[in-house]
Amino acid sequence: MRNVAARLRNSFARHSGMALSMSKVSTSYLPVIALFAVCSLIGVCRGEQEPAPEPLAHYRFNGDAKDAKGVHADFELENTAFKDDALYLNGHYELSVEKGGYRAICRTSGLDIAGYTVALRFKSEPHRIEEFRSFRSNLFTGGVSSYRWFGLQRSQNGNLVVMLNNGLFRHEIKGVALEHHKWTVVACSVDIPARTVIAAVNGKQVSIIRLPMDFKVIDLPKGIRLPKELEGRDVKLRTMLMQKDTKKEWSFTDYGHGRCFHGLVDEILIYGRALTAGELEKIPLRP
């Protein structure tokens, strides 16, 4: 009951905008609080939960590449196809000498890359060169030009990898395998001020990643390259060049390393803030 009482008090404060100390509540509020408590308790006892958060952009790929929210432009698509109410990507790098490489890019200009969340449902297929031990396939990337501020990848061991700051920060979540030919849901919440990244697979949290204390996003506009004296993987690089990129582009290709996704993408949700672990579990995507 103590937990229930705490939930009722917090819920009342959240909905009314009033922070309550139960020892200092005016008697004039007691009837209102009592009524609110009864209504809330009914919901608690029924196991009702708050609805899932609203995304900034939502792409369903049911025969088109439109944002279901009607806010952002369609995905830019070349050499792709719609198959079984999903987007099929052929695994060929767009800028390769071979013809037929695909392009799939969207933009969320209102996004603040200090805090965001992405979630996608996909079914990957092997690449032709995947027998090479060093091969890493791409899943989803934030940043298309010379700087990529976020990335989800599949390691050579098949594990989920989270990448930030052009790969200056890279974390492989060992034991969290992304199997080919199997529908999978990956969600990732990035909170730079809190230096925390939360990853979930198939609706379950799999890792809380703590970023270094000196970590800061390097946000380079398109066409700008790092000066030679700042090149390399020095930790100090993470605190420099905080310039603004207004496009906030997303793609299934890591153009910096020529890696791209191969397979089907059923749905993508992009949120304009870092979701909590509990909110990640409420994202309406299931394998």
C-alpha atoms as a PDB file:
ATOM      1  CA  MET A   1       0.000   0.000   0.000  1.00  0.00           C
ATOM      2  CA  ARG A   2       2.926   2.340   0.605  1.00  0.00           C
ATOM      3  CA  ASN A   3       3.909   2.031  -3.072  1.00  0.00           C
ATOM      4  CA  VAL A   4       0.300   2.629  -4.136  1.00  0.00           C
ATOM      5  CA  ALA A   5       0.089   5.732  -1.958  1.00  0.00           C
ATOM      6  CA  ALA A   6       3.301   7.074  -3.412  1.00  0.00           C
ATOM      7  CA  ARG A   7       1.994   6.502  -6.933  1.00  0.00           C
ATOM      8  CA  LEU A   8      -1.251   8.321  -6.092  1.00  0.00           C
ATOM      9  CA  ARG A   9       0.609  11.284  -4.614  1.00  0.00           C
ATOM     10  CA  ASN A  10       2.965  11.510  -7.593  1.00  0.00           C
ATOM     11  CA  SER A  11       0.126  11.097 -10.065  1.00  0.00           C
ATOM     12  CA  PHE A  12      -1.894  13.895  -8.419  1.00  0.00           C
ATOM     13  CA  ALA A  13       1.117  16.202  -8.464  1.00  0.00           C
ATOM     14  CA  ARG A  14       1.789  15.381 -12.124  1.00  0.00           C
ATOM     15  CA  HIS A  15      -1.788  16.002 -13.261  1.00  0.00           C
ATOM     16  CA  SER A  16      -2.556  19.006 -11.040  1.00  0.00           C
ATOM     17  CA  GLY A  17       0.845  20.681 -11.151  1.00  0.00           C
ATOM     18  CA  MET A  18       0.926  20.713  -7.302  1.00  0.00           C
ATOM     19  CA  ALA A  19       3.694  19.142  -5.240  1.00  0.00           C
ATOM     20  CA  LEU A  20       2.119  17.707  -2.086  1.00  0.00           C
ATOM     21  CA  SER A  21       3.486  17.116   1.361  1.00  0.00           C
ATOM     22  CA  MET A  22       0.780  15.063   3.046  1.00  0.00           C
ATOM     23  CA  SER A  23       1.571  16.595   6.429  1.00  0.00           C
ATOM     24  CA  LYS A  24       0.901  20.114   5.135  1.00  0.00           C
ATOM     25  CA  VAL A  25      -2.200  19.690   2.960  1.00  0.00           C
ATOM     26  CA  SER A  26      -4.971  22.204   3.593  1.00  0.00           C
ATOM     27  CA  THR A  27      -8.240  20.553   4.657  1.00  0.00           C
ATOM     28  CA  SER A  28      -9.987  22.336   1.776  1.00  0.00           C
ATOM     29  CA  TYR A  29      -8.140  20.073  -0.684  1.00  0.00           C
ATOM     30  CA  LEU A  30      -8.993  16.809   1.050  1.00  0.00           C
ATOM     31  CA  PRO A  31     -12.299  16.090  -0.807  1.00  0.00           C
ATOM     32  CA  VAL A  32     -10.606  16.696  -4.169  1.00  0.00           C
ATOM     33  CA  ILE A  33      -7.632  14.536  -3.253  1.00  0.00           C
ATOM     34  CA  ALA A  34      -9.902  11.792  -1.979  1.00  0.00           C
ATOM     35  CA  LEU A  35     -11.913  11.719  -5.218  1.00  0.00           C
ATOM     36  CA  PHE A  36      -8.759  11.715  -7.315  1.00  0.00           C
ATOM     37  CA  ALA A  37      -7.296   8.943  -5.141  1.00  0.00           C
ATOM     38  CA  VAL A  38     -10.353   6.720  -5.605  1.00  0.00           C
ATOM     39  CA  CYS A  39     -10.315   7.154  -9.406  1.00  0.00           C
ATOM     40  CA  SER A  40      -6.564   6.553  -9.582  1.00  0.00           C
ATOM     41  CA  LEU A  41      -6.731   3.547  -7.281  1.00  0.00           C
ATOM     42  CA  ILE A  42      -9.279   1.925  -9.589  1.00  0.00           C
ATOM     43  CA  GLY A  43      -6.822   2.296 -12.448  1.00  0.00           C
ATOM     44  CA  VAL A  44      -3.913   1.004 -10.349  1.00  0.00           C
ATOM     45  CA  CYS A  45      -5.868  -2.041  -9.221  1.00  0.00           C
ATOM     46  CA  ARG A  46      -6.929  -2.799 -12.782  1.00  0.00           C
ATOM     47  CA  GLY A  47      -3.299  -2.699 -13.839  1.00  0.00           C
ATOM     48  CA  GLU A  48      -3.866   0.228 -16.202  1.00  0.00           C
ATOM     49  CA  GLN A  49      -0.740   1.963 -17.448  1.00  0.00           C
ATOM     50  CA  GLU A  50      -0.063   5.358 -18.886  1.00  0.00           C
ATOM     51  CA  PRO A  51      -0.073   5.380 -22.705  1.00  0.00           C
ATOM     52  CA  ALA A  52       3.120   5.109 -24.704  1.00  0.00           C
ATOM     53  CA  PRO A  53       4.836   8.446 -25.420  1.00  0.00           C
ATOM     54  CA  GLU A  54       4.127  10.201 -28.716  1.00  0.00           C
ATOM     55  CA  PRO A  55       6.915   9.969 -31.310  1.00  0.00           C
ATOM     56  CA  LEU A  56       8.397  12.875 -33.231  1.00  0.00           C
ATOM     57  CA  ALA A  57       8.257  10.846 -36.447  1.00  0.00           C
ATOM     58  CA  HIS A  58       6.709   7.486 -37.327  1.00  0.00           C
ATOM     59  CA  TYR A  59       7.407   5.558 -40.532  1.00  0.00           C
ATOM     60  CA  ARG A  60       5.332   2.410 -41.135  1.00  0.00           C
ATOM     61  CA  PHE A  61       6.443   1.554 -44.713  1.00  0.00           C
ATOM     62  CA  ASN A  62       3.034   0.117 -45.610  1.00  0.00           C
ATOM     63  CA  GLY A  63       3.521   0.712 -49.306  1.00  0.00           C
ATOM     64  CA  ASP A  64       4.917   4.217 -48.850  1.00  0.00           C
ATOM     65  CA  ALA A  65       7.658   6.117 -47.005  1.00  0.00           C
ATOM     66  CA  LYS A  66       5.480   8.770 -45.364  1.00  0.00           C
ATOM     67  CA  ASP A  67       5.707  10.026 -41.800  1.00  0.00           C
ATOM     68  CA  ALA A  68       2.466   8.848 -40.196  1.00  0.00           C
ATOM     69  CA  LYS A  69       2.586  11.941 -37.982  1.00  0.00           C
ATOM     70  CA  GLY A  70       2.344  14.105 -41.102  1.00  0.00           C
ATOM     71  CA  VAL A  71       5.103  16.385 -39.854  1.00  0.00           C
ATOM     72  CA  HIS A  72       8.293  15.359 -41.632  1.00  0.00           C
ATOM     73  CA  ALA A  73       9.050  14.702 -45.276  1.00  0.00           C
ATOM     74  CA  ASP A  74       8.974  11.225 -46.792  1.00  0.00           C
ATOM     75  CA  PHE A  75      12.058   9.028 -46.770  1.00  0.00           C
ATOM     76  CA  GLU A  76      14.173   9.699 -49.861  1.00  0.00           C
ATOM     77  CA  LEU A  77      14.302   6.302 -51.565  1.00  0.00           C
ATOM     78  CA  GLU A  78      16.335   5.001 -54.493  1.00  0.00           C
ATOM     79  CA  ASN A  79      16.785   1.357 -55.539  1.00  0.00           C
ATOM     80  CA  THR A  80      14.503   0.133 -52.756  1.00  0.00           C
ATOM     81  CA  ALA A  81      11.226  -1.803 -52.812  1.00  0.00           C
ATOM     82  CA  PHE A  82       8.178  -2.411 -50.646  1.00  0.00           C
ATOM     83  CA  LYS A  83       7.660  -6.043 -49.761  1.00  0.00           C
ATOM     84  CA  ASP A  84       5.162  -7.588 -47.328  1.00  0.00           C
ATOM     85  CA  ASP A  85       4.270  -4.145 -45.903  1.00  0.00           C
ATOM     86  CA  ALA A  86       7.923  -3.410 -45.182  1.00  0.00           C
ATOM     87  CA  LEU A  87      10.807  -1.589 -46.849  1.00  0.00           C
ATOM     88  CA  TYR A  88      13.314  -3.892 -48.553  1.00  0.00           C
ATOM     89  CA  LEU A  89      16.963  -2.736 -48.676  1.00  0.00           C
ATOM     90  CA  ASN A  90      19.256  -4.761 -50.915  1.00  0.00           C
ATOM     91  CA  GLY A  91      22.483  -4.412 -48.913  1.00  0.00           C
ATOM     92  CA  HIS A  92      24.384  -2.629 -51.694  1.00  0.00           C
ATOM     93  CA  TYR A  93      26.285   0.520 -50.735  1.00  0.00           C
ATOM     94  CA  GLU A  94      24.976   3.574 -52.579  1.00  0.00           C
ATOM     95  CA  LEU A  95      28.419   4.969 -53.445  1.00  0.00           C
ATOM     96  CA  SER A  96      29.955   1.643 -54.475  1.00  0.00           C
ATOM     97  CA  VAL A  97      31.350   1.142 -57.981  1.00  0.00           C
ATOM     98  CA  GLU A  98      28.682  -1.513 -58.396  1.00  0.00           C
ATOM     99  CA  LYS A  99      25.366  -0.264 -59.691  1.00  0.00           C
ATOM    100  CA  GLY A 100      22.147  -0.696 -57.755  1.00  0.00           C
ATOM    101  CA  GLY A 101      23.226   0.667 -54.377  1.00  0.00           C
ATOM    102  CA  TYR A 102      20.275   2.002 -52.417  1.00  0.00           C
ATOM    103  CA  ARG A 103      19.539   5.323 -50.764  1.00  0.00           C
ATOM    104  CA  ALA A 104      17.096   5.698 -47.858  1.00  0.00           C
ATOM    105  CA  ILE A 105      17.281   8.958 -45.886  1.00  0.00           C
ATOM    106  CA  CYS A 106      14.834  10.907 -43.725  1.00  0.00           C
ATOM    107  CA  ARG A 107      15.141  14.191 -41.837  1.00  0.00           C
ATOM    108  CA  THR A 108      13.849  15.269 -38.418  1.00  0.00           C
ATOM    109  CA  SER A 109      14.884  18.909 -38.343  1.00  0.00           C
ATOM    110  CA  GLY A 110      13.353  19.598 -34.924  1.00  0.00           C
ATOM    111  CA  LEU A 111      15.439  16.974 -33.152  1.00  0.00           C
ATOM    112  CA  ASP A 112      17.869  17.934 -30.395  1.00  0.00           C
ATOM    113  CA  ILE A 113      20.669  15.380 -30.437  1.00  0.00           C
ATOM    114  CA  ALA A 114      21.347  15.971 -26.751  1.00  0.00           C
ATOM    115  CA  GLY A 115      18.399  13.668 -26.080  1.00  0.00           C
ATOM    116  CA  TYR A 116      16.430  11.355 -28.372  1.00  0.00           C
ATOM    117  CA  THR A 117      15.190   7.801 -28.836  1.00  0.00           C
ATOM    118  CA  VAL A 118      14.930   5.556 -31.877  1.00  0.00           C
ATOM    119  CA  ALA A 119      13.100   2.246 -32.249  1.00  0.00           C
ATOM    120  CA  LEU A 120      12.793  -0.004 -35.261  1.00  0.00           C
ATOM    121  CA  ARG A 121      11.429  -3.398 -36.229  1.00  0.00           C
ATOM    122  CA  PHE A 122      13.500  -5.228 -38.832  1.00  0.00           C
ATOM    123  CA  LYS A 123      14.510  -8.584 -40.262  1.00  0.00           C
ATOM    124  CA  SER A 124      18.103  -8.651 -41.455  1.00  0.00           C
ATOM    125  CA  GLU A 125      19.745 -10.826 -44.075  1.00  0.00           C
ATOM    126  CA  PRO A 126      23.453 -11.733 -44.339  1.00  0.00           C
ATOM    127  CA  HIS A 127      25.756  -9.734 -46.591  1.00  0.00           C
ATOM    128  CA  ARG A 128      27.820 -11.419 -49.249  1.00  0.00           C
ATOM    129  CA  ILE A 129      31.081 -10.557 -47.456  1.00  0.00           C
ATOM    130  CA  GLU A 130      29.893 -11.462 -43.993  1.00  0.00           C
ATOM    131  CA  GLU A 131      32.236 -14.431 -43.812  1.00  0.00           C
ATOM    132  CA  PHE A 132      35.072 -11.969 -43.191  1.00  0.00           C
ATOM    133  CA  ARG A 133      35.748 -11.804 -39.463  1.00  0.00           C
ATOM    134  CA  SER A 134      36.118  -8.018 -39.383  1.00  0.00           C
ATOM    135  CA  PHE A 135      32.818  -7.288 -41.139  1.00  0.00           C
ATOM    136  CA  ARG A 136      30.269  -5.150 -39.276  1.00  0.00           C
ATOM    137  CA  SER A 137      26.859  -4.451 -40.778  1.00  0.00           C
ATOM    138  CA  ASN A 138      24.909  -1.266 -40.211  1.00  0.00           C
ATOM    139  CA  LEU A 139      21.435  -1.002 -38.775  1.00  0.00           C
ATOM    140  CA  PHE A 140      20.495   2.676 -38.399  1.00  0.00           C
ATOM    141  CA  THR A 141      22.578   5.867 -38.378  1.00  0.00           C
ATOM    142  CA  GLY A 142      21.993   9.443 -37.275  1.00  0.00           C
ATOM    143  CA  GLY A 143      24.048  11.792 -39.433  1.00  0.00           C
ATOM    144  CA  VAL A 144      24.624  11.190 -43.144  1.00  0.00           C
ATOM    145  CA  SER A 145      27.352  13.679 -44.071  1.00  0.00           C
ATOM    146  CA  SER A 146      30.944  13.703 -42.833  1.00  0.00           C
ATOM    147  CA  TYR A 147      29.853  13.340 -39.221  1.00  0.00           C
ATOM    148  CA  ARG A 148      27.626  10.643 -37.702  1.00  0.00           C
ATOM    149  CA  TRP A 149      26.453  11.389 -34.183  1.00  0.00           C
ATOM    150  CA  PHE A 150      24.630   8.086 -33.603  1.00  0.00           C
ATOM    151  CA  GLY A 151      24.656   4.564 -34.922  1.00  0.00           C
ATOM    152  CA  LEU A 152      23.286   1.086 -34.312  1.00  0.00           C
ATOM    153  CA  GLN A 153      25.308  -1.743 -35.823  1.00  0.00           C
ATOM    154  CA  ARG A 154      25.729  -5.496 -35.773  1.00  0.00           C
ATOM    155  CA  SER A 155      29.232  -6.550 -34.730  1.00  0.00           C
ATOM    156  CA  GLN A 156      31.295  -9.275 -36.369  1.00  0.00           C
ATOM    157  CA  ASN A 157      30.138 -11.482 -33.501  1.00  0.00           C
ATOM    158  CA  GLY A 158      26.498 -10.678 -34.231  1.00  0.00           C
ATOM    159  CA  ASN A 159      25.983  -8.485 -31.154  1.00  0.00           C
ATOM    160  CA  LEU A 160      24.230  -5.117 -30.945  1.00  0.00           C
ATOM    161  CA  VAL A 161      26.610  -2.145 -31.061  1.00  0.00           C
ATOM    162  CA  VAL A 162      25.854   1.471 -30.081  1.00  0.00           C
ATOM    163  CA  MET A 163      28.074   4.106 -31.676  1.00  0.00           C
ATOM    164  CA  LEU A 164      28.327   7.857 -30.928  1.00  0.00           C
ATOM    165  CA  ASN A 165      30.508  10.722 -32.202  1.00  0.00           C
ATOM    166  CA  ASN A 166      31.695   9.157 -35.467  1.00  0.00           C
ATOM    167  CA  GLY A 167      32.719   6.007 -33.652  1.00  0.00           C
ATOM    168  CA  LEU A 168      34.849   7.793 -31.044  1.00  0.00           C
ATOM    169  CA  PHE A 169      32.527   6.081 -28.598  1.00  0.00           C
ATOM    170  CA  ARG A 170      31.561   2.522 -29.425  1.00  0.00           C
ATOM    171  CA  HIS A 171      29.983  -0.028 -27.103  1.00  0.00           C
ATOM    172  CA  GLU A 172      29.260  -3.643 -28.009  1.00  0.00           C
ATOM    173  CA  ILE A 173      26.547  -5.230 -25.883  1.00  0.00           C
ATOM    174  CA  LYS A 174      27.933  -8.731 -25.525  1.00  0.00           C
ATOM    175  CA  GLY A 175      25.457 -11.560 -25.454  1.00  0.00           C
ATOM    176  CA  VAL A 176      22.757  -9.517 -27.200  1.00  0.00           C
ATOM    177  CA  ALA A 177      22.765 -11.191 -30.605  1.00  0.00           C
ATOM    178  CA  LEU A 178      20.815  -9.854 -33.571  1.00  0.00           C
ATOM    179  CA  GLU A 179      19.833 -12.972 -35.494  1.00  0.00           C
ATOM    180  CA  HIS A 180      19.363 -12.947 -39.256  1.00  0.00           C
ATOM    181  CA  HIS A 181      16.019 -13.963 -40.823  1.00  0.00           C
ATOM    182  CA  LYS A 182      14.177 -13.126 -37.592  1.00  0.00           C
ATOM    183  CA  TRP A 183      11.953 -10.143 -36.822  1.00  0.00           C
ATOM    184  CA  THR A 184      13.631  -8.071 -34.114  1.00  0.00           C
ATOM    185  CA  VAL A 185      12.848  -4.804 -32.330  1.00  0.00           C
ATOM    186  CA  VAL A 186      15.693  -2.587 -31.139  1.00  0.00           C
ATOM    187  CA  ALA A 187      15.128   0.630 -29.183  1.00  0.00           C
ATOM    188  CA  CYS A 188      17.816   2.995 -27.961  1.00  0.00           C
ATOM    189  CA  SER A 189      17.485   6.062 -25.745  1.00  0.00           C
ATOM    190  CA  VAL A 190      20.321   8.617 -25.633  1.00  0.00           C
ATOM    191  CA  ASP A 191      20.537  11.205 -22.836  1.00  0.00           C
ATOM    192  CA  ILE A 192      23.750  13.206 -23.223  1.00  0.00           C
ATOM    193  CA  PRO A 193      23.304  15.506 -20.163  1.00  0.00           C
ATOM    194  CA  ALA A 194      22.757  12.416 -17.997  1.00  0.00           C
ATOM    195  CA  ARG A 195      25.560  10.577 -19.860  1.00  0.00           C
ATOM    196  CA  THR A 196      23.300   7.569 -20.220  1.00  0.00           C
ATOM    197  CA  VAL A 197      22.301   5.321 -23.104  1.00  0.00           C
ATOM    198  CA  ILE A 198      19.612   2.671 -22.589  1.00  0.00           C
ATOM    199  CA  ALA A 199      19.178  -0.162 -25.074  1.00  0.00           C
ATOM    200  CA  ALA A 200      16.235  -2.549 -25.304  1.00  0.00           C
ATOM    201  CA  VAL A 201      15.676  -5.546 -27.571  1.00  0.00           C
ATOM    202  CA  ASN A 202      12.217  -7.027 -28.174  1.00  0.00           C
ATOM    203  CA  GLY A 203      10.686  -4.884 -25.446  1.00  0.00           C
ATOM    204  CA  LYS A 204      13.219  -5.778 -22.737  1.00  0.00           C
ATOM    205  CA  GLN A 205      16.056  -3.653 -21.431  1.00  0.00           C
ATOM    206  CA  VAL A 206      19.422  -5.215 -22.268  1.00  0.00           C
ATOM    207  CA  SER A 207      21.924  -2.551 -21.242  1.00  0.00           C
ATOM    208  CA  ILE A 208      22.433   0.783 -19.487  1.00  0.00           C
ATOM    209  CA  ILE A 209      25.570   2.364 -20.925  1.00  0.00           C
ATOM    210  CA  ARG A 210      27.374   5.059 -18.962  1.00  0.00           C
ATOM    211  CA  LEU A 211      29.176   7.632 -21.086  1.00  0.00           C
ATOM    212  CA  PRO A 212      32.526   9.123 -19.984  1.00  0.00           C
ATOM    213  CA  MET A 213      32.298  12.148 -17.705  1.00  0.00           C
ATOM    214  CA  ASP A 214      33.937  14.354 -20.349  1.00  0.00           C
ATOM    215  CA  PHE A 215      31.598  13.214 -23.132  1.00  0.00           C
ATOM    216  CA  LYS A 216      30.019  15.915 -25.306  1.00  0.00           C
ATOM    217  CA  VAL A 217      28.368  15.685 -28.692  1.00  0.00           C
ATOM    218  CA  ILE A 218      30.394  16.950 -31.620  1.00  0.00           C
ATOM    219  CA  ASP A 219      27.782  18.167 -34.074  1.00  0.00           C
ATOM    220  CA  LEU A 220      29.361  19.094 -37.403  1.00  0.00           C
ATOM    221  CA  PRO A 221      27.356  20.630 -40.249  1.00  0.00           C
ATOM    222  CA  LYS A 222      27.453  19.019 -43.663  1.00  0.00           C
ATOM    223  CA  GLY A 223      30.690  19.520 -45.552  1.00  0.00           C
ATOM    224  CA  ILE A 224      32.767  20.468 -42.497  1.00  0.00           C
ATOM    225  CA  ARG A 225      35.722  18.245 -41.692  1.00  0.00           C
ATOM    226  CA  LEU A 226      37.818  18.078 -38.558  1.00  0.00           C
ATOM    227  CA  PRO A 227      41.122  20.004 -38.618  1.00  0.00           C
ATOM    228  CA  LYS A 228      44.140  17.741 -38.827  1.00  0.00           C
ATOM    229  CA  GLU A 229      45.248  18.626 -35.315  1.00  0.00           C
ATOM    230  CA  LEU A 230      41.925  17.275 -34.007  1.00  0.00           C
ATOM    231  CA  GLU A 231      41.909  14.038 -35.961  1.00  0.00           C
ATOM    232  CA  GLY A 232      42.332  10.727 -34.204  1.00  0.00           C
ATOM    233  CA  ARG A 233      40.557   9.171 -31.272  1.00  0.00           C
ATOM    234  CA  ASP A 234      41.730  11.493 -28.504  1.00  0.00           C
ATOM    235  CA  VAL A 235      39.219  11.862 -25.673  1.00  0.00           C
ATOM    236  CA  LYS A 236      39.627  15.680 -25.819  1.00  0.00           C
ATOM    237  CA  LEU A 237      37.968  15.649 -29.221  1.00  0.00           C
ATOM    238  CA  ARG A 238      34.644  14.922 -27.533  1.00  0.00           C
ATOM    239  CA  THR A 239      34.547  18.364 -25.944  1.00  0.00           C
ATOM    240  CA  MET A 240      35.103  20.408 -29.113  1.00  0.00           C
ATOM    241  CA  LEU A 241      33.285  21.774 -32.164  1.00  0.00           C
ATOM    242  CA  MET A 242      29.694  22.031 -30.879  1.00  0.00           C
ATOM    243  CA  GLN A 243      28.269  23.374 -34.140  1.00  0.00           C
ATOM    244  CA  LYS A 244      24.665  22.947 -35.241  1.00  0.00           C
ATOM    245  CA  ASP A 245      23.396  20.586 -37.928  1.00  0.00           C
ATOM    246  CA  THR A 246      19.845  21.616 -38.805  1.00  0.00           C
ATOM    247  CA  LYS A 247      18.861  18.644 -40.986  1.00  0.00           C
ATOM    248  CA  LYS A 248      19.184  15.806 -38.487  1.00  0.00           C
ATOM    249  CA  GLU A 249      19.320  13.120 -41.165  1.00  0.00           C
ATOM    250  CA  TRP A 250      18.811   9.392 -40.573  1.00  0.00           C
ATOM    251  CA  SER A 251      19.802   6.514 -42.822  1.00  0.00           C
ATOM    252  CA  PHE A 252      20.355   2.757 -42.890  1.00  0.00           C
ATOM    253  CA  THR A 253      23.840   3.409 -44.282  1.00  0.00           C
ATOM    254  CA  ASP A 254      27.022   4.409 -42.494  1.00  0.00           C
ATOM    255  CA  TYR A 255      28.520   6.510 -45.282  1.00  0.00           C
ATOM    256  CA  GLY A 256      31.778   6.974 -43.412  1.00  0.00           C
ATOM    257  CA  HIS A 257      32.652   3.263 -43.604  1.00  0.00           C
ATOM    258  CA  GLY A 258      30.524   2.028 -46.496  1.00  0.00           C
ATOM    259  CA  ARG A 259      28.368  -0.172 -44.277  1.00  0.00           C
ATOM    260  CA  CYS A 260      24.661  -0.605 -44.941  1.00  0.00           C
ATOM    261  CA  PHE A 261      21.693  -2.638 -43.817  1.00  0.00           C
ATOM    262  CA  HIS A 262      20.445  -5.655 -45.760  1.00  0.00           C
ATOM    263  CA  GLY A 263      16.910  -6.898 -45.221  1.00  0.00           C
ATOM    264  CA  LEU A 264      13.419  -5.675 -44.341  1.00  0.00           C
ATOM    265  CA  VAL A 265      12.477  -2.711 -42.163  1.00  0.00           C
ATOM    266  CA  ASP A 266       8.880  -2.793 -41.005  1.00  0.00           C
ATOM    267  CA  GLU A 267       8.584   0.305 -38.840  1.00  0.00           C
ATOM    268  CA  ILE A 268      10.617   3.160 -37.325  1.00  0.00           C
ATOM    269  CA  LEU A 269       9.776   5.472 -34.439  1.00  0.00           C
ATOM    270  CA  ILE A 270      11.885   8.537 -33.602  1.00  0.00           C
ATOM    271  CA  TYR A 271      11.260  10.389 -30.337  1.00  0.00           C
ATOM    272  CA  GLY A 272      12.333  13.938 -29.569  1.00  0.00           C
ATOM    273  CA  ARG A 273      13.628  13.100 -26.106  1.00  0.00           C
ATOM    274  CA  ALA A 274      15.402  10.359 -24.199  1.00  0.00           C
ATOM    275  CA  LEU A 275      12.802   7.863 -23.001  1.00  0.00           C
ATOM    276  CA  THR A 276      13.132   6.141 -19.656  1.00  0.00           C
ATOM    277  CA  ALA A 277      13.627   2.392 -19.328  1.00  0.00           C
ATOM    278  CA  GLY A 278       9.943   2.014 -18.476  1.00  0.00           C
ATOM    279  CA  GLU A 279       8.893   4.073 -21.498  1.00  0.00           C
ATOM    280  CA  LEU A 280      11.080   1.968 -23.798  1.00  0.00           C
ATOM    281  CA  GLU A 281       9.049  -1.077 -22.801  1.00  0.00           C
ATOM    282  CA  LYS A 282       5.839   0.724 -23.790  1.00  0.00           C
ATOM    283  CA  ILE A 283       6.962   1.442 -27.357  1.00  0.00           C
ATOM    284  CA  PRO A 284       4.298  -0.249 -29.533  1.00  0.00           C
ATOM    285  CA  LEU A 285       6.651  -2.470 -31.527  1.00  0.00           C
ATOM    286  CA  ARG A 286       6.948  -6.206 -31.041  1.00  0.00           C
ATOM    287  CA  PRO A 287       8.991  -8.850 -32.911  1.00  0.00           C
END
